[in-house]
Amino acid sequence: MKTGYGESKLPARLLSVNEVAQFLGIHSSTVRRWEKRGLLKSYAIGLRHNLRFKQEDVLSFLDKGEGESTR
């Protein structure tokens, strides 16, 4: 049965602060600091406004090399 929705239209899984930190090999506080500075784009989820990050945004951040000049 065709629904008209392909897999490409499904949203990518959102990553938590800890998952991003583990992926980048940094502390979770660094991820939060970069998010507050606007270096990493985040999304607030739920009533508690938990931070989540799109995988493509994290990869784009790496491609730009912004992590090198954040101190």
N, C-alpha and C. Protein backbone atom coordinates (compact mmCIF):
# COMPACT_ATOMS: atom_id res chain seq x y z
N MET A 1 0.83 -1.18 0.00
CA MET A 1 0.00 0.00 0.00
C MET A 1 0.88 1.24 0.00
N LYS A 2 0.65 2.13 -0.94
CA LYS A 2 1.42 3.36 -1.04
C LYS A 2 0.75 4.47 -0.25
N THR A 3 1.54 5.17 0.55
CA THR A 3 0.99 6.25 1.35
C THR A 3 1.36 7.62 0.79
N GLY A 4 2.29 7.64 -0.15
CA GLY A 4 2.73 8.92 -0.70
C GLY A 4 3.91 9.51 0.05
N TYR A 5 4.31 8.85 1.13
CA TYR A 5 5.44 9.33 1.91
C TYR A 5 6.60 8.38 1.74
N GLY A 6 7.69 8.89 1.20
CA GLY A 6 8.88 8.07 1.03
C GLY A 6 9.76 8.16 2.25
N GLU A 7 10.71 7.28 2.33
CA GLU A 7 11.64 7.31 3.47
C GLU A 7 12.42 8.61 3.52
N SER A 8 12.64 9.21 2.37
CA SER A 8 13.42 10.45 2.33
C SER A 8 12.68 11.60 3.00
N LYS A 9 11.38 11.48 3.20
CA LYS A 9 10.61 12.54 3.83
C LYS A 9 10.56 12.40 5.35
N LEU A 10 11.03 11.28 5.86
CA LEU A 10 11.05 11.10 7.30
C LEU A 10 12.15 11.96 7.90
N PRO A 11 11.89 12.60 9.04
CA PRO A 11 12.93 13.43 9.65
C PRO A 11 14.08 12.58 10.16
N ALA A 12 15.27 13.11 10.10
CA ALA A 12 16.44 12.42 10.63
C ALA A 12 16.33 12.38 12.16
N ARG A 13 16.92 11.40 12.76
CA ARG A 13 16.92 11.26 14.21
C ARG A 13 17.68 12.43 14.84
N LEU A 14 17.13 12.97 15.90
CA LEU A 14 17.78 14.07 16.60
C LEU A 14 18.70 13.50 17.67
N LEU A 15 19.86 14.15 17.85
CA LEU A 15 20.87 13.70 18.79
C LEU A 15 20.81 14.51 20.08
N SER A 16 21.06 13.86 21.20
CA SER A 16 21.10 14.54 22.49
C SER A 16 22.45 15.24 22.67
N VAL A 17 22.55 16.04 23.71
CA VAL A 17 23.82 16.72 24.03
C VAL A 17 24.92 15.69 24.24
N ASN A 18 24.61 14.64 25.00
CA ASN A 18 25.62 13.61 25.29
C ASN A 18 26.04 12.85 24.04
N GLU A 19 25.10 12.59 23.15
CA GLU A 19 25.44 11.88 21.91
C GLU A 19 26.35 12.73 21.03
N VAL A 20 26.07 14.02 20.95
CA VAL A 20 26.93 14.93 20.17
C VAL A 20 28.32 15.01 20.79
N ALA A 21 28.36 15.12 22.11
CA ALA A 21 29.65 15.19 22.81
C ALA A 21 30.48 13.93 22.56
N GLN A 22 29.84 12.78 22.64
CA GLN A 22 30.54 11.52 22.41
C GLN A 22 31.03 11.44 20.96
N PHE A 23 30.19 11.84 20.03
CA PHE A 23 30.54 11.81 18.61
C PHE A 23 31.74 12.71 18.32
N LEU A 24 31.77 13.90 18.93
CA LEU A 24 32.84 14.86 18.69
C LEU A 24 34.06 14.63 19.58
N GLY A 25 33.92 13.78 20.59
CA GLY A 25 35.03 13.52 21.50
C GLY A 25 35.31 14.67 22.45
N ILE A 26 34.24 15.35 22.88
CA ILE A 26 34.37 16.49 23.77
C ILE A 26 33.41 16.32 24.95
N HIS A 27 33.50 17.20 25.93
CA HIS A 27 32.63 17.16 27.09
C HIS A 27 31.27 17.76 26.74
N SER A 28 30.22 17.30 27.40
CA SER A 28 28.87 17.81 27.14
C SER A 28 28.75 19.30 27.44
N SER A 29 29.54 19.80 28.39
CA SER A 29 29.53 21.24 28.69
C SER A 29 30.01 22.06 27.50
N THR A 30 30.95 21.50 26.76
CA THR A 30 31.46 22.19 25.57
C THR A 30 30.38 22.27 24.50
N VAL A 31 29.61 21.20 24.34
CA VAL A 31 28.50 21.21 23.38
C VAL A 31 27.50 22.30 23.76
N ARG A 32 27.15 22.37 25.04
CA ARG A 32 26.20 23.40 25.51
C ARG A 32 26.75 24.81 25.30
N ARG A 33 28.05 24.99 25.56
CA ARG A 33 28.68 26.30 25.38
C ARG A 33 28.66 26.71 23.91
N TRP A 34 28.99 25.79 23.02
CA TRP A 34 28.96 26.08 21.58
C TRP A 34 27.54 26.39 21.12
N GLU A 35 26.56 25.70 21.70
CA GLU A 35 25.16 25.95 21.34
C GLU A 35 24.75 27.36 21.78
N LYS A 36 25.14 27.75 23.00
CA LYS A 36 24.81 29.10 23.50
C LYS A 36 25.46 30.18 22.66
N ARG A 37 26.66 29.92 22.13
CA ARG A 37 27.37 30.88 21.29
C ARG A 37 26.84 30.90 19.85
N GLY A 38 25.96 29.96 19.54
CA GLY A 38 25.39 29.91 18.20
C GLY A 38 26.23 29.14 17.19
N LEU A 39 27.23 28.43 17.68
CA LEU A 39 28.09 27.66 16.78
C LEU A 39 27.41 26.38 16.32
N LEU A 40 26.61 25.79 17.19
CA LEU A 40 25.86 24.58 16.87
C LEU A 40 24.37 24.90 16.93
N LYS A 41 23.65 24.57 15.89
CA LYS A 41 22.21 24.82 15.85
C LYS A 41 21.50 23.73 16.65
N SER A 42 20.58 24.15 17.54
CA SER A 42 19.87 23.18 18.37
C SER A 42 18.37 23.40 18.27
N TYR A 43 17.65 22.42 18.79
CA TYR A 43 16.20 22.46 18.81
C TYR A 43 15.74 22.10 20.22
N ALA A 44 14.83 22.88 20.78
CA ALA A 44 14.29 22.61 22.11
C ALA A 44 13.08 21.69 21.95
N ILE A 45 13.12 20.56 22.64
CA ILE A 45 12.08 19.55 22.50
C ILE A 45 11.35 19.38 23.83
N GLY A 46 10.03 19.33 23.77
CA GLY A 46 9.21 19.04 24.94
C GLY A 46 9.06 20.20 25.89
N LEU A 47 8.34 19.93 26.98
CA LEU A 47 8.07 20.96 27.98
C LEU A 47 9.32 21.41 28.72
N ARG A 48 10.28 20.51 28.84
CA ARG A 48 11.52 20.85 29.53
C ARG A 48 12.55 21.49 28.61
N HIS A 49 12.20 21.64 27.35
CA HIS A 49 13.07 22.25 26.34
C HIS A 49 14.44 21.58 26.27
N ASN A 50 14.42 20.24 26.27
CA ASN A 50 15.66 19.48 26.12
C ASN A 50 16.29 19.79 24.77
N LEU A 51 17.59 20.00 24.77
CA LEU A 51 18.29 20.32 23.53
C LEU A 51 18.50 19.08 22.68
N ARG A 52 18.26 19.23 21.39
CA ARG A 52 18.53 18.18 20.43
C ARG A 52 19.21 18.80 19.21
N PHE A 53 19.98 17.99 18.51
CA PHE A 53 20.75 18.47 17.37
C PHE A 53 20.51 17.54 16.19
N LYS A 54 20.37 18.12 15.00
CA LYS A 54 20.25 17.31 13.79
C LYS A 54 21.65 16.84 13.41
N GLN A 55 21.72 15.59 12.97
CA GLN A 55 23.02 15.03 12.58
C GLN A 55 23.66 15.84 11.46
N GLU A 56 22.86 16.28 10.50
CA GLU A 56 23.43 17.05 9.39
C GLU A 56 23.98 18.40 9.84
N ASP A 57 23.40 18.99 10.90
CA ASP A 57 23.92 20.24 11.45
C ASP A 57 25.27 20.03 12.11
N VAL A 58 25.41 18.91 12.82
CA VAL A 58 26.69 18.59 13.47
C VAL A 58 27.76 18.33 12.42
N LEU A 59 27.41 17.59 11.37
CA LEU A 59 28.37 17.32 10.30
C LEU A 59 28.76 18.60 9.56
N SER A 60 27.80 19.49 9.37
CA SER A 60 28.08 20.78 8.74
C SER A 60 29.03 21.60 9.60
N PHE A 61 28.82 21.56 10.89
CA PHE A 61 29.70 22.25 11.85
C PHE A 61 31.13 21.73 11.70
N LEU A 62 31.28 20.42 11.58
CA LEU A 62 32.61 19.83 11.41
C LEU A 62 33.24 20.25 10.09
N ASP A 63 32.44 20.29 9.04
CA ASP A 63 32.95 20.68 7.72
C ASP A 63 33.48 22.11 7.72
N LYS A 64 32.84 22.97 8.49
CA LYS A 64 33.27 24.37 8.56
C LYS A 64 34.52 24.53 9.41
N GLY A 65 34.83 23.55 10.24
CA GLY A 65 36.02 23.64 11.10
C GLY A 65 35.87 24.64 12.21
N GLU A 66 34.64 24.93 12.62
CA GLU A 66 34.41 25.95 13.64
C GLU A 66 34.87 25.49 15.02
N GLY A 67 34.99 24.21 15.25
CA GLY A 67 35.41 23.71 16.54
C GLY A 67 36.83 24.10 16.91
N GLU A 68 37.63 24.49 15.93
CA GLU A 68 39.04 24.82 16.19
C GLU A 68 39.21 26.18 16.83
N SER A 69 38.29 27.11 16.59
CA SER A 69 38.48 28.48 17.08
C SER A 69 37.42 28.87 18.09
N THR A 70 37.06 27.96 18.99
CA THR A 70 35.97 28.23 19.92
C THR A 70 36.42 28.63 21.30
N ARG A 71 37.68 28.67 21.58
CA ARG A 71 38.14 29.01 22.94
C ARG A 71 38.33 30.47 23.13
